[in-house]
Amino acid sequence: YLVYQERTVSISTYQTADLIAAKLTSPDCCFIQGDGSIDLSAFTAQTAKDHIDTIRQTYSKNGIDFIVRLTWSGAEPIDYPALPAITGNRVAVSRDISIVLNPVQTVPGRLTIITWGG
């Protein structure tokens, strides 16, 4: 029974992480451009942080917390907020996405949602 319960919670947390990833890659997200790519300067701006914090507050009411990680080749990952030292199970969902570094440089990257709690 305990294994079944753990798997159920894990599936639920995965589905939540996937839903958050969908919200953060949707065309109406403040750092997504019209072609579906992430604008790095918008992603690192306070408006994006406020948007992510609003979503985090919504999920925290159900005991779920998460960070957003943006990665691409040759760069250190960008986490918002910083990943805390937590114990317990984490679930990660990633989406491949183009990242616009500047007006002339776009690179393939990945947006990852790391969740825990629930």
Protein backbone atom coordinates (compact mmCIF):
# COMPACT_ATOMS: atom_id res chain seq x y z
CA TYR A 1 0.00 0.00 0.00
CA LEU A 2 2.80 2.44 0.84
CA VAL A 3 4.44 1.92 -2.55
CA TYR A 4 1.10 2.54 -4.28
CA GLN A 5 0.58 5.72 -2.25
CA GLU A 6 4.10 6.97 -3.09
CA ARG A 7 3.52 6.34 -6.80
CA THR A 8 0.18 8.13 -6.69
CA VAL A 9 1.76 11.18 -5.06
CA SER A 10 4.63 11.06 -7.54
CA ILE A 11 2.27 10.94 -10.53
CA SER A 12 0.23 13.80 -9.11
CA THR A 13 3.37 15.89 -8.53
CA TYR A 14 4.57 15.11 -12.07
CA GLN A 15 1.23 16.24 -13.50
CA THR A 16 1.44 19.44 -11.46
CA ALA A 17 4.97 20.12 -12.72
CA ASP A 18 3.81 19.52 -16.30
CA LEU A 19 0.92 21.95 -15.83
CA ILE A 20 3.30 24.61 -14.49
CA ALA A 21 5.62 24.04 -17.46
CA ALA A 22 2.66 24.48 -19.81
CA LYS A 23 1.75 27.78 -18.13
CA LEU A 24 5.31 29.05 -18.37
CA THR A 25 5.68 28.15 -22.04
CA SER A 26 2.28 29.43 -23.15
CA PRO A 27 2.16 32.40 -25.57
CA ASP A 28 0.66 34.69 -22.91
CA CYS A 29 3.61 34.21 -20.51
CA CYS A 30 5.57 37.45 -20.08
CA PHE A 31 8.92 36.03 -21.25
CA ILE A 32 7.67 33.98 -24.22
CA GLN A 33 8.03 35.60 -27.63
CA GLY A 34 5.57 35.23 -30.49
CA ASP A 35 7.55 32.35 -32.01
CA GLY A 36 7.43 30.41 -28.73
CA SER A 37 11.02 31.11 -27.68
CA ILE A 38 12.15 32.49 -24.32
CA ASP A 39 13.51 36.01 -24.29
CA LEU A 40 16.41 35.74 -21.81
CA SER A 41 16.33 39.43 -20.87
CA ALA A 42 12.60 39.17 -20.12
CA PHE A 43 13.11 35.90 -18.21
CA THR A 44 15.63 37.53 -15.88
CA ALA A 45 13.56 40.71 -15.40
CA GLN A 46 11.56 41.44 -12.25
CA THR A 47 8.27 41.10 -14.16
CA ALA A 48 9.04 37.44 -14.89
CA LYS A 49 10.07 36.81 -11.28
CA ASP A 50 6.81 38.37 -10.08
CA HIS A 51 4.86 36.18 -12.53
CA ILE A 52 6.62 33.02 -11.31
CA ASP A 53 6.10 34.06 -7.68
CA THR A 54 2.36 34.48 -8.30
CA ILE A 55 2.15 30.94 -9.67
CA ARG A 56 4.25 29.64 -6.76
CA GLN A 57 1.89 31.26 -4.25
CA THR A 58 -1.09 29.60 -5.91
CA TYR A 59 0.47 26.14 -5.65
CA SER A 60 1.88 26.69 -2.16
CA LYS A 61 -1.70 26.68 -0.84
CA ASN A 62 -1.68 22.95 -1.68
CA GLY A 63 1.78 22.35 -0.22
CA ILE A 64 3.57 22.33 -3.60
CA ASP A 65 6.66 24.43 -4.26
CA PHE A 66 8.84 24.66 -7.33
CA ILE A 67 11.68 26.40 -9.06
CA VAL A 68 12.19 27.19 -12.72
CA ARG A 69 15.54 26.26 -14.28
CA LEU A 70 16.70 27.55 -17.65
CA THR A 71 19.68 25.78 -19.27
CA TRP A 72 21.56 25.84 -22.53
CA SER A 73 24.93 24.59 -23.73
CA GLY A 74 27.96 26.47 -22.47
CA ALA A 75 26.16 28.39 -19.70
CA GLU A 76 25.47 27.93 -16.03
CA PRO A 77 21.84 27.08 -15.26
CA ILE A 78 19.62 29.96 -14.22
CA ASP A 79 17.33 29.01 -11.33
CA TYR A 80 14.49 31.10 -10.01
CA PRO A 81 14.26 31.05 -7.11
CA ALA A 82 17.39 29.26 -5.95
CA LEU A 83 16.89 25.56 -5.30
CA PRO A 84 16.71 25.12 -1.51
CA ALA A 85 18.40 22.30 0.34
CA ILE A 86 15.32 20.16 0.82
CA THR A 87 14.76 16.58 1.73
CA GLY A 88 12.15 14.37 0.20
CA ASN A 89 11.10 13.64 -3.32
CA ARG A 90 11.53 16.07 -6.16
CA VAL A 91 9.94 15.73 -9.55
CA ALA A 92 11.27 17.48 -12.67
CA VAL A 93 9.61 18.15 -16.00
CA SER A 94 11.55 19.69 -18.89
CA ARG A 95 10.60 21.26 -22.18
CA ASP A 96 12.98 21.91 -25.03
CA ILE A 97 12.74 25.54 -26.10
CA SER A 98 14.70 28.15 -28.02
CA ILE A 99 16.31 30.87 -25.95
CA VAL A 100 16.93 34.31 -27.42
CA LEU A 101 20.17 35.48 -25.82
CA ASN A 102 20.25 38.76 -27.73
CA PRO A 103 18.76 40.12 -30.98
CA VAL A 104 21.22 38.13 -33.13
CA GLN A 105 21.74 34.94 -31.12
CA THR A 106 19.20 32.21 -30.41
CA VAL A 107 20.24 28.87 -28.92
CA PRO A 108 18.47 25.60 -28.15
CA GLY A 109 17.77 25.25 -24.45
CA ARG A 110 15.57 23.65 -21.85
CA LEU A 111 13.07 24.98 -19.34
CA THR A 112 12.78 22.67 -16.32
CA ILE A 113 10.27 22.79 -13.49
CA ILE A 114 11.46 21.10 -10.30
CA THR A 115 8.65 20.49 -7.80
CA TRP A 116 8.40 19.04 -4.32
CA GLY A 117 5.84 18.85 -1.58
CA GLY A 118 2.24 17.86 -1.87
